[in-house]
Amino acid sequence: EVNSHPDIFKPNGFRLFNFLMKNH
């Protein structure tokens, strides 16, 4: 989860973006 989509995000980036997409 921390390293998901490394071609797009740096560590924890996808976690944060996905949380924003689901909740905000």
PDB file of all heavy atoms in Angstrom:
ATOM      1  N   GLU A   1       0.829  -1.201   0.000  1.00  0.00           N
ATOM      2  CA  GLU A   1       0.000   0.000   0.000  1.00  0.00           C
ATOM      3  C   GLU A   1       0.868   1.258   0.000  1.00  0.00           C
ATOM      4  O   GLU A   1       0.594   2.220  -0.720  1.00  0.00           O
ATOM      5  CB  GLU A   1      -0.914   0.002   1.223  1.00  0.00           C
ATOM      6  CG  GLU A   1      -1.918   1.142   1.227  1.00  0.00           C
ATOM      7  CD  GLU A   1      -2.818   1.097   2.441  1.00  0.00           C
ATOM      8  OE1 GLU A   1      -2.440   0.474   3.451  1.00  0.00           O
ATOM      9  OE2 GLU A   1      -3.894   1.709   2.385  1.00  0.00           O
ATOM     10  N   VAL A   2       1.926   1.223   0.813  1.00  0.00           N
ATOM     11  CA  VAL A   2       2.825   2.387   0.893  1.00  0.00           C
ATOM     12  C   VAL A   2       3.509   2.638  -0.440  1.00  0.00           C
ATOM     13  O   VAL A   2       3.696   3.783  -0.866  1.00  0.00           O
ATOM     14  CB  VAL A   2       3.871   2.178   2.010  1.00  0.00           C
ATOM     15  CG1 VAL A   2       4.992   3.211   1.904  1.00  0.00           C
ATOM     16  CG2 VAL A   2       3.208   2.257   3.378  1.00  0.00           C
ATOM     17  N   ASN A   3       3.873   1.569  -1.133  1.00  0.00           N
ATOM     18  CA  ASN A   3       4.653   1.691  -2.366  1.00  0.00           C
ATOM     19  C   ASN A   3       3.841   1.424  -3.628  1.00  0.00           C
ATOM     20  O   ASN A   3       4.394   1.097  -4.672  1.00  0.00           O
ATOM     21  CB  ASN A   3       5.843   0.728  -2.308  1.00  0.00           C
ATOM     22  CG  ASN A   3       6.812   1.081  -1.191  1.00  0.00           C
ATOM     23  OD1 ASN A   3       7.655   1.951  -1.326  1.00  0.00           O
ATOM     24  ND2 ASN A   3       6.674   0.401  -0.059  1.00  0.00           N
ATOM     25  N   SER A   4       2.531   1.562  -3.513  1.00  0.00           N
ATOM     26  CA  SER A   4       1.676   1.286  -4.663  1.00  0.00           C
ATOM     27  C   SER A   4       1.882   2.315  -5.767  1.00  0.00           C
ATOM     28  O   SER A   4       2.099   3.501  -5.504  1.00  0.00           O
ATOM     29  CB  SER A   4       0.212   1.295  -4.216  1.00  0.00           C
ATOM     30  OG  SER A   4      -0.640   0.973  -5.271  1.00  0.00           O
ATOM     31  N   HIS A   5       1.825   1.845  -7.012  1.00  0.00           N
ATOM     32  CA  HIS A   5       1.975   2.697  -8.199  1.00  0.00           C
ATOM     33  C   HIS A   5       3.245   3.554  -8.141  1.00  0.00           C
ATOM     34  O   HIS A   5       3.182   4.786  -8.200  1.00  0.00           O
ATOM     35  CB  HIS A   5       0.749   3.595  -8.374  1.00  0.00           C
ATOM     36  CG  HIS A   5      -0.538   2.865  -8.502  1.00  0.00           C
ATOM     37  ND1 HIS A   5      -0.901   2.204  -9.662  1.00  0.00           N
ATOM     38  CD2 HIS A   5      -1.557   2.667  -7.619  1.00  0.00           C
ATOM     39  CE1 HIS A   5      -2.090   1.644  -9.487  1.00  0.00           C
ATOM     40  NE2 HIS A   5      -2.501   1.905  -8.263  1.00  0.00           N
ATOM     41  N   PRO A   6       4.397   2.926  -8.029  1.00  0.00           N
ATOM     42  CA  PRO A   6       5.648   3.694  -7.893  1.00  0.00           C
ATOM     43  C   PRO A   6       5.984   4.548  -9.113  1.00  0.00           C
ATOM     44  O   PRO A   6       6.795   5.470  -9.007  1.00  0.00           O
ATOM     45  CB  PRO A   6       6.698   2.596  -7.674  1.00  0.00           C
ATOM     46  CG  PRO A   6       6.115   1.379  -8.299  1.00  0.00           C
ATOM     47  CD  PRO A   6       4.643   1.471  -8.057  1.00  0.00           C
ATOM     48  N   ASP A   7       5.384   4.231 -10.274  1.00  0.00           N
ATOM     49  CA  ASP A   7       5.634   5.061 -11.461  1.00  0.00           C
ATOM     50  C   ASP A   7       4.879   6.380 -11.396  1.00  0.00           C
ATOM     51  O   ASP A   7       5.164   7.311 -12.168  1.00  0.00           O
ATOM     52  CB  ASP A   7       5.237   4.304 -12.726  1.00  0.00           C
ATOM     53  CG  ASP A   7       3.773   3.891 -12.716  1.00  0.00           C
ATOM     54  OD1 ASP A   7       3.273   3.530 -11.621  1.00  0.00           O
ATOM     55  OD2 ASP A   7       3.124   3.948 -13.775  1.00  0.00           O
ATOM     56  N   ILE A   8       3.910   6.472 -10.477  1.00  0.00           N
ATOM     57  CA  ILE A   8       3.101   7.684 -10.337  1.00  0.00           C
ATOM     58  C   ILE A   8       3.425   8.429  -9.032  1.00  0.00           C
ATOM     59  O   ILE A   8       3.595   9.655  -9.017  1.00  0.00           O
ATOM     60  CB  ILE A   8       1.600   7.351 -10.350  1.00  0.00           C
ATOM     61  CG1 ILE A   8       1.232   6.549 -11.605  1.00  0.00           C
ATOM     62  CG2 ILE A   8       0.756   8.616 -10.247  1.00  0.00           C
ATOM     63  CD1 ILE A   8       1.376   7.320 -12.890  1.00  0.00           C
ATOM     64  N   PHE A   9       3.507   7.639  -7.954  1.00  0.00           N
ATOM     65  CA  PHE A   9       3.627   8.226  -6.620  1.00  0.00           C
ATOM     66  C   PHE A   9       4.949   7.859  -5.955  1.00  0.00           C
ATOM     67  O   PHE A   9       5.528   6.813  -6.229  1.00  0.00           O
ATOM     68  CB  PHE A   9       2.484   7.743  -5.716  1.00  0.00           C
ATOM     69  CG  PHE A   9       1.112   8.087  -6.206  1.00  0.00           C
ATOM     70  CD1 PHE A   9       0.388   7.182  -6.976  1.00  0.00           C
ATOM     71  CD2 PHE A   9       0.525   9.299  -5.898  1.00  0.00           C
ATOM     72  CE1 PHE A   9      -0.889   7.483  -7.418  1.00  0.00           C
ATOM     73  CE2 PHE A   9      -0.756   9.608  -6.341  1.00  0.00           C
ATOM     74  CZ  PHE A   9      -1.464   8.703  -7.102  1.00  0.00           C
ATOM     75  N   LYS A  10       5.327   8.679  -5.020  1.00  0.00           N
ATOM     76  CA  LYS A  10       6.378   8.330  -4.082  1.00  0.00           C
ATOM     77  C   LYS A  10       5.723   7.605  -2.903  1.00  0.00           C
ATOM     78  O   LYS A  10       4.489   7.577  -2.798  1.00  0.00           O
ATOM     79  CB  LYS A  10       7.112   9.600  -3.637  1.00  0.00           C
ATOM     80  CG  LYS A  10       7.932  10.223  -4.769  1.00  0.00           C
ATOM     81  CD  LYS A  10       8.751  11.405  -4.282  1.00  0.00           C
ATOM     82  CE  LYS A  10       9.598  11.968  -5.426  1.00  0.00           C
ATOM     83  NZ  LYS A  10      10.419  13.136  -4.996  1.00  0.00           N
ATOM     84  N   PRO A  11       6.512   6.979  -2.008  1.00  0.00           N
ATOM     85  CA  PRO A  11       5.910   6.227  -0.895  1.00  0.00           C
ATOM     86  C   PRO A  11       4.828   7.021  -0.159  1.00  0.00           C
ATOM     87  O   PRO A  11       5.011   8.193   0.165  1.00  0.00           O
ATOM     88  CB  PRO A  11       7.112   5.926   0.005  1.00  0.00           C
ATOM     89  CG  PRO A  11       8.246   5.812  -0.955  1.00  0.00           C
ATOM     90  CD  PRO A  11       7.977   6.860  -2.002  1.00  0.00           C
ATOM     91  N   ASN A  12       3.729   6.353   0.077  1.00  0.00           N
ATOM     92  CA  ASN A  12       2.542   6.881   0.755  1.00  0.00           C
ATOM     93  C   ASN A  12       1.712   7.826  -0.116  1.00  0.00           C
ATOM     94  O   ASN A  12       0.628   8.262   0.302  1.00  0.00           O
ATOM     95  CB  ASN A  12       2.899   7.595   2.067  1.00  0.00           C
ATOM     96  CG  ASN A  12       3.297   6.618   3.153  1.00  0.00           C
ATOM     97  OD1 ASN A  12       2.581   5.664   3.437  1.00  0.00           O
ATOM     98  ND2 ASN A  12       4.458   6.840   3.754  1.00  0.00           N
ATOM     99  N   GLY A  13       2.186   8.108  -1.303  1.00  0.00           N
ATOM    100  CA  GLY A  13       1.446   9.013  -2.171  1.00  0.00           C
ATOM    101  C   GLY A  13       0.100   8.455  -2.587  1.00  0.00           C
ATOM    102  O   GLY A  13      -0.927   9.147  -2.512  1.00  0.00           O
ATOM    103  N   PHE A  14       0.076   7.190  -3.014  1.00  0.00           N
ATOM    104  CA  PHE A  14      -1.197   6.606  -3.442  1.00  0.00           C
ATOM    105  C   PHE A  14      -2.160   6.467  -2.267  1.00  0.00           C
ATOM    106  O   PHE A  14      -3.370   6.668  -2.420  1.00  0.00           O
ATOM    107  CB  PHE A  14      -0.977   5.249  -4.096  1.00  0.00           C
ATOM    108  CG  PHE A  14      -2.265   4.571  -4.469  1.00  0.00           C
ATOM    109  CD1 PHE A  14      -3.025   5.034  -5.534  1.00  0.00           C
ATOM    110  CD2 PHE A  14      -2.747   3.489  -3.738  1.00  0.00           C
ATOM    111  CE1 PHE A  14      -4.233   4.436  -5.871  1.00  0.00           C
ATOM    112  CE2 PHE A  14      -3.950   2.882  -4.072  1.00  0.00           C
ATOM    113  CZ  PHE A  14      -4.691   3.353  -5.143  1.00  0.00           C
ATOM    114  N   ARG A  15      -1.643   6.109  -1.099  1.00  0.00           N
ATOM    115  CA  ARG A  15      -2.502   6.007   0.089  1.00  0.00           C
ATOM    116  C   ARG A  15      -3.240   7.319   0.330  1.00  0.00           C
ATOM    117  O   ARG A  15      -4.444   7.327   0.589  1.00  0.00           O
ATOM    118  CB  ARG A  15      -1.675   5.659   1.326  1.00  0.00           C
ATOM    119  CG  ARG A  15      -1.128   4.248   1.376  1.00  0.00           C
ATOM    120  CD  ARG A  15      -0.333   4.032   2.645  1.00  0.00           C
ATOM    121  NE  ARG A  15      -1.179   4.178   3.821  1.00  0.00           N
ATOM    122  CZ  ARG A  15      -0.793   4.742   4.977  1.00  0.00           C
ATOM    123  NH1 ARG A  15       0.419   5.262   5.081  1.00  0.00           N
ATOM    124  NH2 ARG A  15      -1.615   4.814   5.989  1.00  0.00           N
ATOM    125  N   LEU A  16      -2.504   8.414   0.258  1.00  0.00           N
ATOM    126  CA  LEU A  16      -3.111   9.719   0.498  1.00  0.00           C
ATOM    127  C   LEU A  16      -4.096  10.083  -0.610  1.00  0.00           C
ATOM    128  O   LEU A  16      -5.238  10.491  -0.332  1.00  0.00           O
ATOM    129  CB  LEU A  16      -2.027  10.784   0.604  1.00  0.00           C
ATOM    130  CG  LEU A  16      -2.507  12.237   0.752  1.00  0.00           C
ATOM    131  CD1 LEU A  16      -3.402  12.386   1.981  1.00  0.00           C
ATOM    132  CD2 LEU A  16      -1.312  13.189   0.820  1.00  0.00           C
ATOM    133  N   PHE A  17      -3.687   9.914  -1.851  1.00  0.00           N
ATOM    134  CA  PHE A  17      -4.555  10.299  -2.961  1.00  0.00           C
ATOM    135  C   PHE A  17      -5.825   9.449  -2.975  1.00  0.00           C
ATOM    136  O   PHE A  17      -6.931   9.976  -3.182  1.00  0.00           O
ATOM    137  CB  PHE A  17      -3.820  10.150  -4.290  1.00  0.00           C
ATOM    138  CG  PHE A  17      -4.621  10.608  -5.467  1.00  0.00           C
ATOM    139  CD1 PHE A  17      -4.736  11.959  -5.766  1.00  0.00           C
ATOM    140  CD2 PHE A  17      -5.289   9.692  -6.282  1.00  0.00           C
ATOM    141  CE1 PHE A  17      -5.498  12.396  -6.853  1.00  0.00           C
ATOM    142  CE2 PHE A  17      -6.048  10.120  -7.359  1.00  0.00           C
ATOM    143  CZ  PHE A  17      -6.146  11.483  -7.645  1.00  0.00           C
ATOM    144  N   ASN A  18      -5.700   8.166  -2.738  1.00  0.00           N
ATOM    145  CA  ASN A  18      -6.870   7.284  -2.757  1.00  0.00           C
ATOM    146  C   ASN A  18      -7.820   7.616  -1.609  1.00  0.00           C
ATOM    147  O   ASN A  18      -9.050   7.546  -1.762  1.00  0.00           O
ATOM    148  CB  ASN A  18      -6.416   5.825  -2.661  1.00  0.00           C
ATOM    149  CG  ASN A  18      -7.508   4.851  -3.055  1.00  0.00           C
ATOM    150  OD1 ASN A  18      -8.182   5.020  -4.058  1.00  0.00           O
ATOM    151  ND2 ASN A  18      -7.687   3.815  -2.246  1.00  0.00           N
ATOM    152  N   PHE A  19      -7.270   7.978  -0.461  1.00  0.00           N
ATOM    153  CA  PHE A  19      -8.101   8.382   0.675  1.00  0.00           C
ATOM    154  C   PHE A  19      -8.876   9.656   0.320  1.00  0.00           C
ATOM    155  O   PHE A  19     -10.069   9.775   0.625  1.00  0.00           O
ATOM    156  CB  PHE A  19      -7.236   8.620   1.912  1.00  0.00           C
ATOM    157  CG  PHE A  19      -8.023   8.880   3.163  1.00  0.00           C
ATOM    158  CD1 PHE A  19      -8.393   7.837   3.989  1.00  0.00           C
ATOM    159  CD2 PHE A  19      -8.397  10.173   3.511  1.00  0.00           C
ATOM    160  CE1 PHE A  19      -9.129   8.073   5.156  1.00  0.00           C
ATOM    161  CE2 PHE A  19      -9.139  10.422   4.664  1.00  0.00           C
ATOM    162  CZ  PHE A  19      -9.501   9.371   5.487  1.00  0.00           C
ATOM    163  N   LEU A  20      -8.202  10.584  -0.316  1.00  0.00           N
ATOM    164  CA  LEU A  20      -8.863  11.823  -0.747  1.00  0.00           C
ATOM    165  C   LEU A  20      -9.982  11.539  -1.748  1.00  0.00           C
ATOM    166  O   LEU A  20     -11.076  12.104  -1.656  1.00  0.00           O
ATOM    167  CB  LEU A  20      -7.831  12.759  -1.373  1.00  0.00           C
ATOM    168  CG  LEU A  20      -6.858  13.448  -0.414  1.00  0.00           C
ATOM    169  CD1 LEU A  20      -5.660  14.017  -1.174  1.00  0.00           C
ATOM    170  CD2 LEU A  20      -7.559  14.547   0.378  1.00  0.00           C
ATOM    171  N   MET A  21      -9.707  10.629  -2.673  1.00  0.00           N
ATOM    172  CA  MET A  21     -10.705  10.302  -3.698  1.00  0.00           C
ATOM    173  C   MET A  21     -11.936   9.632  -3.081  1.00  0.00           C
ATOM    174  O   MET A  21     -13.066   9.818  -3.549  1.00  0.00           O
ATOM    175  CB  MET A  21     -10.091   9.401  -4.759  1.00  0.00           C
ATOM    176  CG  MET A  21      -9.015  10.066  -5.594  1.00  0.00           C
ATOM    177  SD  MET A  21      -9.664  11.388  -6.659  1.00  0.00           S
ATOM    178  CE  MET A  21     -10.459  10.426  -7.934  1.00  0.00           C
ATOM    179  N   LYS A  22     -11.726   8.835  -2.046  1.00  0.00           N
ATOM    180  CA  LYS A  22     -12.841   8.109  -1.440  1.00  0.00           C
ATOM    181  C   LYS A  22     -13.620   8.951  -0.432  1.00  0.00           C
ATOM    182  O   LYS A  22     -14.801   8.686  -0.192  1.00  0.00           O
ATOM    183  CB  LYS A  22     -12.323   6.845  -0.744  1.00  0.00           C
ATOM    184  CG  LYS A  22     -11.845   5.768  -1.707  1.00  0.00           C
ATOM    185  CD  LYS A  22     -11.378   4.539  -0.947  1.00  0.00           C
ATOM    186  CE  LYS A  22     -10.964   3.424  -1.905  1.00  0.00           C
ATOM    187  NZ  LYS A  22     -10.486   2.227  -1.171  1.00  0.00           N
ATOM    188  N   ASN A  23     -12.965   9.950   0.151  1.00  0.00           N
ATOM    189  CA  ASN A  23     -13.593  10.660   1.263  1.00  0.00           C
ATOM    190  C   ASN A  23     -13.803  12.162   1.049  1.00  0.00           C
ATOM    191  O   ASN A  23     -14.591  12.771   1.774  1.00  0.00           O
ATOM    192  CB  ASN A  23     -12.759  10.461   2.536  1.00  0.00           C
ATOM    193  CG  ASN A  23     -12.670   9.015   2.961  1.00  0.00           C
ATOM    194  OD1 ASN A  23     -13.579   8.483   3.572  1.00  0.00           O
ATOM    195  ND2 ASN A  23     -11.559   8.363   2.622  1.00  0.00           N
ATOM    196  N   HIS A  24     -13.101  12.739   0.086  1.00  0.00           N
ATOM    197  CA  HIS A  24     -13.182  14.196  -0.064  1.00  0.00           C
ATOM    198  C   HIS A  24     -13.404  14.641  -1.509  1.00  0.00           C
ATOM    199  O   HIS A  24     -13.025  15.750  -1.876  1.00  0.00           O
ATOM    200  CB  HIS A  24     -11.909  14.847   0.482  1.00  0.00           C
ATOM    201  CG  HIS A  24     -11.712  14.626   1.954  1.00  0.00           C
ATOM    202  ND1 HIS A  24     -12.462  15.278   2.912  1.00  0.00           N
ATOM    203  CD2 HIS A  24     -10.856  13.802   2.621  1.00  0.00           C
ATOM    204  CE1 HIS A  24     -12.074  14.877   4.115  1.00  0.00           C
ATOM    205  NE2 HIS A  24     -11.102  13.986   3.967  1.00  0.00           N
TER     206      HIS A  24
END
